[in-house]
All heavy atoms as atom14 arrays in JSON, in Angstrom:
{
  "sequence": "AAAEPADPVRVQDDVTIIDLRRAPAVFDDATYNRILTALFAGRVNVGE",
  "atom14_mask": [
    [1, 1, 1, 1, 1, 0, 0, 0, 0, 0, 0, 0, 0, 0],
    [1, 1, 1, 1, 1, 0, 0, 0, 0, 0, 0, 0, 0, 0],
    [1, 1, 1, 1, 1, 0, 0, 0, 0, 0, 0, 0, 0, 0],
    [1, 1, 1, 1, 1, 1, 1, 1, 1, 0, 0, 0, 0, 0],
    [1, 1, 1, 1, 1, 1, 1, 0, 0, 0, 0, 0, 0, 0],
    [1, 1, 1, 1, 1, 0, 0, 0, 0, 0, 0, 0, 0, 0],
    [1, 1, 1, 1, 1, 1, 1, 1, 0, 0, 0, 0, 0, 0],
    [1, 1, 1, 1, 1, 1, 1, 0, 0, 0, 0, 0, 0, 0],
    [1, 1, 1, 1, 1, 1, 1, 0, 0, 0, 0, 0, 0, 0],
    [1, 1, 1, 1, 1, 1, 1, 1, 1, 1, 1, 0, 0, 0],
    [1, 1, 1, 1, 1, 1, 1, 0, 0, 0, 0, 0, 0, 0],
    [1, 1, 1, 1, 1, 1, 1, 1, 1, 0, 0, 0, 0, 0],
    [1, 1, 1, 1, 1, 1, 1, 1, 0, 0, 0, 0, 0, 0],
    [1, 1, 1, 1, 1, 1, 1, 1, 0, 0, 0, 0, 0, 0],
    [1, 1, 1, 1, 1, 1, 1, 0, 0, 0, 0, 0, 0, 0],
    [1, 1, 1, 1, 1, 1, 1, 0, 0, 0, 0, 0, 0, 0],
    [1, 1, 1, 1, 1, 1, 1, 1, 0, 0, 0, 0, 0, 0],
    [1, 1, 1, 1, 1, 1, 1, 1, 0, 0, 0, 0, 0, 0],
    [1, 1, 1, 1, 1, 1, 1, 1, 0, 0, 0, 0, 0, 0],
    [1, 1, 1, 1, 1, 1, 1, 1, 0, 0, 0, 0, 0, 0],
    [1, 1, 1, 1, 1, 1, 1, 1, 1, 1, 1, 0, 0, 0],
    [1, 1, 1, 1, 1, 1, 1, 1, 1, 1, 1, 0, 0, 0],
    [1, 1, 1, 1, 1, 0, 0, 0, 0, 0, 0, 0, 0, 0],
    [1, 1, 1, 1, 1, 1, 1, 0, 0, 0, 0, 0, 0, 0],
    [1, 1, 1, 1, 1, 0, 0, 0, 0, 0, 0, 0, 0, 0],
    [1, 1, 1, 1, 1, 1, 1, 0, 0, 0, 0, 0, 0, 0],
    [1, 1, 1, 1, 1, 1, 1, 1, 1, 1, 1, 0, 0, 0],
    [1, 1, 1, 1, 1, 1, 1, 1, 0, 0, 0, 0, 0, 0],
    [1, 1, 1, 1, 1, 1, 1, 1, 0, 0, 0, 0, 0, 0],
    [1, 1, 1, 1, 1, 0, 0, 0, 0, 0, 0, 0, 0, 0],
    [1, 1, 1, 1, 1, 1, 1, 0, 0, 0, 0, 0, 0, 0],
    [1, 1, 1, 1, 1, 1, 1, 1, 1, 1, 1, 1, 0, 0],
    [1, 1, 1, 1, 1, 1, 1, 1, 0, 0, 0, 0, 0, 0],
    [1, 1, 1, 1, 1, 1, 1, 1, 1, 1, 1, 0, 0, 0],
    [1, 1, 1, 1, 1, 1, 1, 1, 0, 0, 0, 0, 0, 0],
    [1, 1, 1, 1, 1, 1, 1, 1, 0, 0, 0, 0, 0, 0],
    [1, 1, 1, 1, 1, 1, 1, 0, 0, 0, 0, 0, 0, 0],
    [1, 1, 1, 1, 1, 0, 0, 0, 0, 0, 0, 0, 0, 0],
    [1, 1, 1, 1, 1, 1, 1, 1, 0, 0, 0, 0, 0, 0],
    [1, 1, 1, 1, 1, 1, 1, 1, 1, 1, 1, 0, 0, 0],
    [1, 1, 1, 1, 1, 0, 0, 0, 0, 0, 0, 0, 0, 0],
    [1, 1, 1, 1, 0, 0, 0, 0, 0, 0, 0, 0, 0, 0],
    [1, 1, 1, 1, 1, 1, 1, 1, 1, 1, 1, 0, 0, 0],
    [1, 1, 1, 1, 1, 1, 1, 0, 0, 0, 0, 0, 0, 0],
    [1, 1, 1, 1, 1, 1, 1, 1, 0, 0, 0, 0, 0, 0],
    [1, 1, 1, 1, 1, 1, 1, 0, 0, 0, 0, 0, 0, 0],
    [1, 1, 1, 1, 0, 0, 0, 0, 0, 0, 0, 0, 0, 0],
    [1, 1, 1, 1, 1, 1, 1, 1, 1, 0, 0, 0, 0, 0]
  ],
  "atom14_positions": [
    [[0.84, -1.19, 0.0], [0.0, 0.0, 0.0], [0.87, 1.25, 0.0], [1.81, 1.36, 0.79], [-0.9, 0.0, 1.22], [0.0, 0.0, 0.0], [0.0, 0.0, 0.0], [0.0, 0.0, 0.0], [0.0, 0.0, 0.0], [0.0, 0.0, 0.0], [0.0, 0.0, 0.0], [0.0, 0.0, 0.0], [0.0, 0.0, 0.0], [0.0, 0.0, 0.0]],
    [[0.58, 2.16, -0.9], [1.34, 3.4, -0.97], [0.94, 4.31, 0.19], [-0.24, 4.51, 0.47], [1.08, 4.11, -2.3], [0.0, 0.0, 0.0], [0.0, 0.0, 0.0], [0.0, 0.0, 0.0], [0.0, 0.0, 0.0], [0.0, 0.0, 0.0], [0.0, 0.0, 0.0], [0.0, 0.0, 0.0], [0.0, 0.0, 0.0], [0.0, 0.0, 0.0]],
    [[1.97, 4.82, 0.86], [1.69, 5.7, 2.0], [1.12, 7.03, 1.52], [1.5, 7.54, 0.47], [2.98, 5.93, 2.79], [0.0, 0.0, 0.0], [0.0, 0.0, 0.0], [0.0, 0.0, 0.0], [0.0, 0.0, 0.0], [0.0, 0.0, 0.0], [0.0, 0.0, 0.0], [0.0, 0.0, 0.0], [0.0, 0.0, 0.0], [0.0, 0.0, 0.0]],
    [[0.2, 7.56, 2.29], [-0.38, 8.86, 1.96], [0.72, 9.92, 2.08], [1.36, 10.04, 3.12], [-1.52, 9.18, 2.92], [-2.3, 10.42, 2.55], [-3.16, 10.23, 1.32], [-3.48, 9.06, 0.99], [-3.51, 11.24, 0.69], [0.0, 0.0, 0.0], [0.0, 0.0, 0.0], [0.0, 0.0, 0.0], [0.0, 0.0, 0.0], [0.0, 0.0, 0.0]],
    [[0.98, 10.68, 1.01], [2.06, 11.66, 1.09], [1.79, 12.72, 2.14], [0.7, 13.29, 2.21], [2.09, 12.26, -0.32], [0.74, 11.99, -0.9], [0.29, 10.69, -0.29], [0.0, 0.0, 0.0], [0.0, 0.0, 0.0], [0.0, 0.0, 0.0], [0.0, 0.0, 0.0], [0.0, 0.0, 0.0], [0.0, 0.0, 0.0], [0.0, 0.0, 0.0]],
    [[2.8, 12.96, 2.98], [2.65, 13.97, 4.03], [2.94, 15.34, 3.45], [3.64, 15.49, 2.45], [3.61, 13.66, 5.17], [0.0, 0.0, 0.0], [0.0, 0.0, 0.0], [0.0, 0.0, 0.0], [0.0, 0.0, 0.0], [0.0, 0.0, 0.0], [0.0, 0.0, 0.0], [0.0, 0.0, 0.0], [0.0, 0.0, 0.0], [0.0, 0.0, 0.0]],
    [[2.4, 16.36, 4.09], [2.68, 17.73, 3.69], [4.16, 17.99, 3.93], [4.65, 17.87, 5.06], [1.83, 18.69, 4.52], [1.97, 20.14, 4.06], [2.84, 20.43, 3.22], [1.19, 20.99, 4.55], [0.0, 0.0, 0.0], [0.0, 0.0, 0.0], [0.0, 0.0, 0.0], [0.0, 0.0, 0.0], [0.0, 0.0, 0.0], [0.0, 0.0, 0.0]],
    [[4.93, 18.34, 2.88], [6.38, 18.53, 3.07], [6.73, 19.82, 3.79], [7.89, 20.01, 4.18], [6.9, 18.55, 1.63], [5.75, 19.06, 0.82], [4.52, 18.52, 1.49], [0.0, 0.0, 0.0], [0.0, 0.0, 0.0], [0.0, 0.0, 0.0], [0.0, 0.0, 0.0], [0.0, 0.0, 0.0], [0.0, 0.0, 0.0], [0.0, 0.0, 0.0]],
    [[5.75, 20.72, 3.97], [6.03, 22.03, 4.56], [5.48, 22.1, 5.98], [4.33, 21.72, 6.24], [5.41, 23.16, 3.72], [5.67, 24.52, 4.36], [5.96, 23.13, 2.29], [0.0, 0.0, 0.0], [0.0, 0.0, 0.0], [0.0, 0.0, 0.0], [0.0, 0.0, 0.0], [0.0, 0.0, 0.0], [0.0, 0.0, 0.0], [0.0, 0.0, 0.0]],
    [[6.3, 22.57, 6.9], [5.86, 22.81, 8.26], [6.7, 23.95, 8.85], [7.79, 24.23, 8.39], [5.97, 21.55, 9.13], [7.34, 20.91, 9.16], [7.3, 19.61, 9.96], [8.58, 18.9, 9.96], [8.93, 17.99, 9.06], [8.09, 17.66, 8.09], [10.11, 17.39, 9.13], [0.0, 0.0, 0.0], [0.0, 0.0, 0.0], [0.0, 0.0, 0.0]],
    [[6.15, 24.58, 9.86], [6.85, 25.69, 10.53], [7.09, 25.29, 11.97], [6.17, 24.84, 12.67], [6.03, 26.99, 10.47], [6.75, 28.09, 11.25], [5.81, 27.41, 9.03], [0.0, 0.0, 0.0], [0.0, 0.0, 0.0], [0.0, 0.0, 0.0], [0.0, 0.0, 0.0], [0.0, 0.0, 0.0], [0.0, 0.0, 0.0], [0.0, 0.0, 0.0]],
    [[8.34, 25.44, 12.41], [8.69, 25.12, 13.79], [9.78, 26.07, 14.26], [10.76, 26.32, 13.55], [9.19, 23.66, 13.9], [9.44, 23.21, 15.32], [9.7, 21.7, 15.4], [9.29, 20.94, 14.52], [10.37, 21.28, 16.46], [0.0, 0.0, 0.0], [0.0, 0.0, 0.0], [0.0, 0.0, 0.0], [0.0, 0.0, 0.0], [0.0, 0.0, 0.0]],
    [[9.62, 26.6, 15.46], [10.59, 27.54, 16.03], [10.88, 28.69, 15.07], [12.04, 29.12, 14.92], [11.89, 26.83, 16.42], [11.68, 25.76, 17.48], [10.62, 25.8, 18.15], [12.55, 24.9, 17.63], [0.0, 0.0, 0.0], [0.0, 0.0, 0.0], [0.0, 0.0, 0.0], [0.0, 0.0, 0.0], [0.0, 0.0, 0.0], [0.0, 0.0, 0.0]],
    [[9.83, 29.16, 14.4], [9.94, 30.27, 13.44], [10.89, 29.97, 12.29], [11.52, 30.87, 11.72], [10.38, 31.56, 14.15], [9.9, 32.8, 13.39], [8.82, 32.72, 12.76], [10.62, 33.81, 13.39], [0.0, 0.0, 0.0], [0.0, 0.0, 0.0], [0.0, 0.0, 0.0], [0.0, 0.0, 0.0], [0.0, 0.0, 0.0], [0.0, 0.0, 0.0]],
    [[11.0, 28.68, 11.92], [11.78, 28.24, 10.77], [10.85, 27.45, 9.85], [10.08, 26.6, 10.32], [12.97, 27.35, 11.19], [13.67, 26.77, 9.97], [13.95, 28.15, 12.04], [0.0, 0.0, 0.0], [0.0, 0.0, 0.0], [0.0, 0.0, 0.0], [0.0, 0.0, 0.0], [0.0, 0.0, 0.0], [0.0, 0.0, 0.0], [0.0, 0.0, 0.0]],
    [[10.9, 27.75, 8.56], [10.12, 26.97, 7.59], [10.92, 25.73, 7.2], [12.01, 25.84, 6.64], [9.8, 27.8, 6.34], [8.97, 28.89, 6.69], [9.08, 26.94, 5.3], [0.0, 0.0, 0.0], [0.0, 0.0, 0.0], [0.0, 0.0, 0.0], [0.0, 0.0, 0.0], [0.0, 0.0, 0.0], [0.0, 0.0, 0.0], [0.0, 0.0, 0.0]],
    [[10.37, 24.57, 7.52], [10.98, 23.3, 7.16], [10.31, 22.77, 5.9], [9.08, 22.67, 5.84], [10.81, 22.27, 8.29], [11.52, 22.73, 9.56], [11.33, 20.9, 7.85], [13.01, 22.72, 9.49], [0.0, 0.0, 0.0], [0.0, 0.0, 0.0], [0.0, 0.0, 0.0], [0.0, 0.0, 0.0], [0.0, 0.0, 0.0], [0.0, 0.0, 0.0]],
    [[11.11, 22.46, 4.89], [10.6, 21.8, 3.68], [11.27, 20.44, 3.62], [12.46, 20.33, 3.31], [10.87, 22.62, 2.41], [10.21, 24.0, 2.53], [10.34, 21.88, 1.18], [10.46, 24.9, 1.32], [0.0, 0.0, 0.0], [0.0, 0.0, 0.0], [0.0, 0.0, 0.0], [0.0, 0.0, 0.0], [0.0, 0.0, 0.0], [0.0, 0.0, 0.0]],
    [[10.52, 19.4, 3.95], [11.07, 18.05, 4.08], [11.0, 17.34, 2.73], [9.93, 16.91, 2.29], [10.28, 17.27, 5.14], [11.01, 16.01, 5.57], [11.93, 15.57, 4.85], [10.66, 15.47, 6.64], [0.0, 0.0, 0.0], [0.0, 0.0, 0.0], [0.0, 0.0, 0.0], [0.0, 0.0, 0.0], [0.0, 0.0, 0.0], [0.0, 0.0, 0.0]],
    [[12.15, 17.21, 2.08], [12.23, 16.59, 0.76], [12.7, 15.15, 0.82], [12.92, 14.52, -0.22], [13.16, 17.41, -0.13], [12.75, 18.86, -0.34], [13.81, 19.61, -1.14], [11.4, 18.95, -1.05], [0.0, 0.0, 0.0], [0.0, 0.0, 0.0], [0.0, 0.0, 0.0], [0.0, 0.0, 0.0], [0.0, 0.0, 0.0], [0.0, 0.0, 0.0]],
    [[12.86, 14.62, 2.03], [13.18, 13.2, 2.15], [11.99, 12.39, 1.66], [10.85, 12.7, 1.97], [13.52, 12.86, 3.6], [14.77, 13.58, 4.11], [14.95, 13.43, 5.61], [13.88, 14.08, 6.35], [13.83, 14.12, 7.7], [14.79, 13.55, 8.41], [12.83, 14.72, 8.31], [0.0, 0.0, 0.0], [0.0, 0.0, 0.0], [0.0, 0.0, 0.0]],
    [[12.25, 11.41, 0.84], [11.22, 10.59, 0.19], [10.46, 11.35, -0.89], [9.38, 10.92, -1.33], [10.23, 9.99, 1.2], [10.87, 9.06, 2.22], [9.84, 8.47, 3.16], [10.45, 7.58, 4.12], [10.68, 6.27, 3.92], [10.34, 5.73, 2.77], [11.24, 5.54, 4.85], [0.0, 0.0, 0.0], [0.0, 0.0, 0.0], [0.0, 0.0, 0.0]],
    [[10.99, 12.48, -1.33], [10.35, 13.19, -2.44], [10.36, 12.32, -3.68], [11.35, 11.66, -3.98], [11.07, 14.51, -2.72], [0.0, 0.0, 0.0], [0.0, 0.0, 0.0], [0.0, 0.0, 0.0], [0.0, 0.0, 0.0], [0.0, 0.0, 0.0], [0.0, 0.0, 0.0], [0.0, 0.0, 0.0], [0.0, 0.0, 0.0], [0.0, 0.0, 0.0]],
    [[9.28, 12.3, -4.45], [9.17, 11.41, -5.61], [9.91, 11.94, -6.83], [10.6, 12.96, -6.77], [7.66, 11.38, -5.86], [7.21, 12.75, -5.44], [8.07, 13.1, -4.25], [0.0, 0.0, 0.0], [0.0, 0.0, 0.0], [0.0, 0.0, 0.0], [0.0, 0.0, 0.0], [0.0, 0.0, 0.0], [0.0, 0.0, 0.0], [0.0, 0.0, 0.0]],
    [[9.74, 11.24, -7.95], [10.34, 11.69, -9.2], [9.65, 12.95, -9.71], [10.29, 13.83, -10.31], [10.27, 10.59, -10.25], [0.0, 0.0, 0.0], [0.0, 0.0, 0.0], [0.0, 0.0, 0.0], [0.0, 0.0, 0.0], [0.0, 0.0, 0.0], [0.0, 0.0, 0.0], [0.0, 0.0, 0.0], [0.0, 0.0, 0.0], [0.0, 0.0, 0.0]],
    [[8.34, 13.06, -9.47], [7.56, 14.2, -9.95], [6.57, 14.61, -8.87], [5.89, 13.76, -8.28], [6.79, 13.86, -11.25], [5.98, 15.05, -11.71], [7.74, 13.4, -12.34], [0.0, 0.0, 0.0], [0.0, 0.0, 0.0], [0.0, 0.0, 0.0], [0.0, 0.0, 0.0], [0.0, 0.0, 0.0], [0.0, 0.0, 0.0], [0.0, 0.0, 0.0]],
    [[6.49, 15.91, -8.59], [5.46, 16.43, -7.69], [4.2, 16.74, -8.49], [4.27, 17.16, -9.65], [5.92, 17.73, -7.02], [6.87, 17.55, -5.88], [8.03, 18.3, -5.81], [6.59, 16.66, -4.85], [8.91, 18.16, -4.75], [7.47, 16.5, -3.78], [8.63, 17.25, -3.74], [0.0, 0.0, 0.0], [0.0, 0.0, 0.0], [0.0, 0.0, 0.0]],
    [[3.04, 16.58, -7.86], [1.83, 17.1, -8.49], [1.85, 18.62, -8.39], [2.62, 19.2, -7.62], [0.57, 16.52, -7.83], [0.48, 16.81, -6.34], [0.49, 18.0, -5.96], [0.41, 15.85, -5.55], [0.0, 0.0, 0.0], [0.0, 0.0, 0.0], [0.0, 0.0, 0.0], [0.0, 0.0, 0.0], [0.0, 0.0, 0.0], [0.0, 0.0, 0.0]],
    [[1.02, 19.27, -9.2], [1.05, 20.74, -9.29], [0.81, 21.39, -7.93], [1.44, 22.4, -7.59], [0.01, 21.22, -10.29], [0.39, 20.87, -11.73], [1.57, 20.54, -11.96], [-0.49, 20.92, -12.61], [0.0, 0.0, 0.0], [0.0, 0.0, 0.0], [0.0, 0.0, 0.0], [0.0, 0.0, 0.0], [0.0, 0.0, 0.0], [0.0, 0.0, 0.0]],
    [[-0.11, 20.83, -7.16], [-0.46, 21.42, -5.87], [0.73, 21.39, -4.91], [1.01, 22.37, -4.2], [-1.66, 20.7, -5.26], [0.0, 0.0, 0.0], [0.0, 0.0, 0.0], [0.0, 0.0, 0.0], [0.0, 0.0, 0.0], [0.0, 0.0, 0.0], [0.0, 0.0, 0.0], [0.0, 0.0, 0.0], [0.0, 0.0, 0.0], [0.0, 0.0, 0.0]],
    [[1.45, 20.26, -4.87], [2.59, 20.13, -3.97], [3.73, 21.04, -4.41], [4.38, 21.69, -3.59], [3.06, 18.68, -3.9], [1.98, 17.84, -3.47], [4.23, 18.51, -2.94], [0.0, 0.0, 0.0], [0.0, 0.0, 0.0], [0.0, 0.0, 0.0], [0.0, 0.0, 0.0], [0.0, 0.0, 0.0], [0.0, 0.0, 0.0], [0.0, 0.0, 0.0]],
    [[3.97, 21.08, -5.71], [5.03, 21.95, -6.25], [4.76, 23.41, -5.88], [5.66, 24.13, -5.41], [5.08, 21.77, -7.77], [6.23, 22.48, -8.47], [7.55, 22.2, -8.15], [5.98, 23.4, -9.49], [8.6, 22.83, -8.8], [7.02, 24.03, -10.16], [8.33, 23.74, -9.82], [9.36, 24.36, -10.47], [0.0, 0.0, 0.0], [0.0, 0.0, 0.0]],
    [[3.54, 23.84, -6.07], [3.18, 25.22, -5.74], [3.25, 25.47, -4.24], [3.68, 26.54, -3.79], [1.77, 25.52, -6.25], [1.42, 27.0, -6.15], [1.9, 27.82, -6.92], [0.59, 27.34, -5.17], [0.0, 0.0, 0.0], [0.0, 0.0, 0.0], [0.0, 0.0, 0.0], [0.0, 0.0, 0.0], [0.0, 0.0, 0.0], [0.0, 0.0, 0.0]],
    [[2.83, 24.49, -3.44], [2.88, 24.61, -1.99], [4.32, 24.84, -1.51], [4.58, 25.69, -0.67], [2.31, 23.34, -1.37], [2.63, 23.1, 0.1], [1.69, 23.83, 1.0], [1.8, 23.39, 2.38], [1.83, 24.2, 3.41], [1.73, 25.51, 3.25], [1.9, 23.73, 4.65], [0.0, 0.0, 0.0], [0.0, 0.0, 0.0], [0.0, 0.0, 0.0]],
    [[5.26, 24.09, -2.08], [6.66, 24.22, -1.67], [7.23, 25.57, -2.08], [7.88, 26.26, -1.28], [7.49, 23.07, -2.27], [7.1, 21.74, -1.63], [8.99, 23.33, -2.1], [7.71, 20.53, -2.29], [0.0, 0.0, 0.0], [0.0, 0.0, 0.0], [0.0, 0.0, 0.0], [0.0, 0.0, 0.0], [0.0, 0.0, 0.0], [0.0, 0.0, 0.0]],
    [[6.99, 25.98, -3.32], [7.54, 27.25, -3.79], [6.91, 28.43, -3.06], [7.57, 29.44, -2.8], [7.33, 27.38, -5.3], [8.13, 26.39, -6.16], [7.86, 26.64, -7.63], [9.61, 26.46, -5.87], [0.0, 0.0, 0.0], [0.0, 0.0, 0.0], [0.0, 0.0, 0.0], [0.0, 0.0, 0.0], [0.0, 0.0, 0.0], [0.0, 0.0, 0.0]],
    [[5.64, 28.3, -2.72], [4.97, 29.36, -1.95], [5.63, 29.53, -0.58], [5.79, 30.65, -0.09], [3.48, 29.01, -1.79], [2.85, 28.97, -3.07], [2.77, 30.05, -0.93], [0.0, 0.0, 0.0], [0.0, 0.0, 0.0], [0.0, 0.0, 0.0], [0.0, 0.0, 0.0], [0.0, 0.0, 0.0], [0.0, 0.0, 0.0], [0.0, 0.0, 0.0]],
    [[6.01, 28.41, 0.02], [6.66, 28.46, 1.34], [8.1, 28.94, 1.25], [8.65, 29.48, 2.21], [6.61, 27.09, 1.99], [0.0, 0.0, 0.0], [0.0, 0.0, 0.0], [0.0, 0.0, 0.0], [0.0, 0.0, 0.0], [0.0, 0.0, 0.0], [0.0, 0.0, 0.0], [0.0, 0.0, 0.0], [0.0, 0.0, 0.0], [0.0, 0.0, 0.0]],
    [[8.72, 28.76, 0.08], [10.12, 29.13, -0.1], [10.3, 30.63, -0.3], [11.21, 31.25, 0.28], [10.7, 28.36, -1.29], [12.15, 28.64, -1.68], [13.09, 28.19, -0.57], [12.48, 27.93, -2.99], [0.0, 0.0, 0.0], [0.0, 0.0, 0.0], [0.0, 0.0, 0.0], [0.0, 0.0, 0.0], [0.0, 0.0, 0.0], [0.0, 0.0, 0.0]],
    [[9.43, 31.22, -1.12], [9.62, 32.61, -1.55], [8.72, 33.6, -0.81], [7.66, 33.25, -0.3], [9.35, 32.74, -3.05], [10.36, 32.04, -3.91], [9.99, 30.95, -4.68], [11.68, 32.48, -3.96], [10.92, 30.31, -5.49], [12.61, 31.85, -4.76], [12.23, 30.76, -5.52], [0.0, 0.0, 0.0], [0.0, 0.0, 0.0], [0.0, 0.0, 0.0]],
    [[9.17, 34.85, -0.82], [8.35, 35.98, -0.37], [8.06, 36.84, -1.6], [8.98, 37.25, -2.29], [9.08, 36.8, 0.69], [0.0, 0.0, 0.0], [0.0, 0.0, 0.0], [0.0, 0.0, 0.0], [0.0, 0.0, 0.0], [0.0, 0.0, 0.0], [0.0, 0.0, 0.0], [0.0, 0.0, 0.0], [0.0, 0.0, 0.0], [0.0, 0.0, 0.0]],
    [[6.82, 37.08, -1.89], [6.49, 37.86, -3.07], [6.41, 37.03, -4.33], [6.6, 35.82, -4.32], [0.0, 0.0, 0.0], [0.0, 0.0, 0.0], [0.0, 0.0, 0.0], [0.0, 0.0, 0.0], [0.0, 0.0, 0.0], [0.0, 0.0, 0.0], [0.0, 0.0, 0.0], [0.0, 0.0, 0.0], [0.0, 0.0, 0.0], [0.0, 0.0, 0.0]],
    [[6.14, 37.7, -5.45], [5.95, 37.02, -6.72], [7.3, 36.73, -7.37], [8.15, 37.62, -7.49], [5.08, 37.85, -7.65], [4.58, 37.06, -8.86], [3.32, 37.66, -9.45], [2.65, 36.73, -10.34], [1.82, 35.79, -9.96], [1.55, 35.63, -8.68], [1.24, 34.98, -10.83], [0.0, 0.0, 0.0], [0.0, 0.0, 0.0], [0.0, 0.0, 0.0]],
    [[7.48, 35.48, -7.8], [8.75, 35.04, -8.37], [8.48, 34.2, -9.62], [7.57, 33.37, -9.64], [9.56, 34.2, -7.36], [10.8, 33.6, -8.01], [9.95, 35.06, -6.16], [0.0, 0.0, 0.0], [0.0, 0.0, 0.0], [0.0, 0.0, 0.0], [0.0, 0.0, 0.0], [0.0, 0.0, 0.0], [0.0, 0.0, 0.0], [0.0, 0.0, 0.0]],
    [[9.29, 34.44, -10.65], [9.26, 33.61, -11.85], [10.43, 32.63, -11.78], [11.59, 33.05, -11.73], [9.36, 34.47, -13.12], [9.22, 33.65, -14.38], [10.1, 32.88, -14.73], [8.11, 33.82, -15.09], [0.0, 0.0, 0.0], [0.0, 0.0, 0.0], [0.0, 0.0, 0.0], [0.0, 0.0, 0.0], [0.0, 0.0, 0.0], [0.0, 0.0, 0.0]],
    [[10.12, 31.34, -11.76], [11.15, 30.32, -11.61], [12.15, 30.37, -12.76], [13.35, 30.19, -12.57], [10.52, 28.93, -11.5], [11.6, 27.84, -11.48], [9.66, 28.83, -10.25], [0.0, 0.0, 0.0], [0.0, 0.0, 0.0], [0.0, 0.0, 0.0], [0.0, 0.0, 0.0], [0.0, 0.0, 0.0], [0.0, 0.0, 0.0], [0.0, 0.0, 0.0]],
    [[11.65, 30.65, -13.96], [12.54, 30.73, -15.11], [13.57, 31.84, -14.97], [14.73, 31.69, -15.37], [0.0, 0.0, 0.0], [0.0, 0.0, 0.0], [0.0, 0.0, 0.0], [0.0, 0.0, 0.0], [0.0, 0.0, 0.0], [0.0, 0.0, 0.0], [0.0, 0.0, 0.0], [0.0, 0.0, 0.0], [0.0, 0.0, 0.0], [0.0, 0.0, 0.0]],
    [[13.17, 32.96, -14.37], [14.11, 34.05, -14.16], [15.13, 33.71, -13.08], [16.27, 34.17, -13.11], [13.34, 35.32, -13.78], [12.49, 35.88, -14.93], [11.71, 37.11, -14.52], [11.83, 37.53, -13.34], [10.96, 37.64, -15.37], [0.0, 0.0, 0.0], [0.0, 0.0, 0.0], [0.0, 0.0, 0.0], [0.0, 0.0, 0.0], [0.0, 0.0, 0.0]]
  ]
}
């Protein structure tokens, strides 16, 4: 049985933790956006 993927983003002690251990070959769009949203402040173009 495939384990239900856990939310890779959490906040602890005022630090944003992005847990990429066991990250798959491809993220779904929602997870990818969730991680980048937690990484950046403001609007960012990944290509730039």
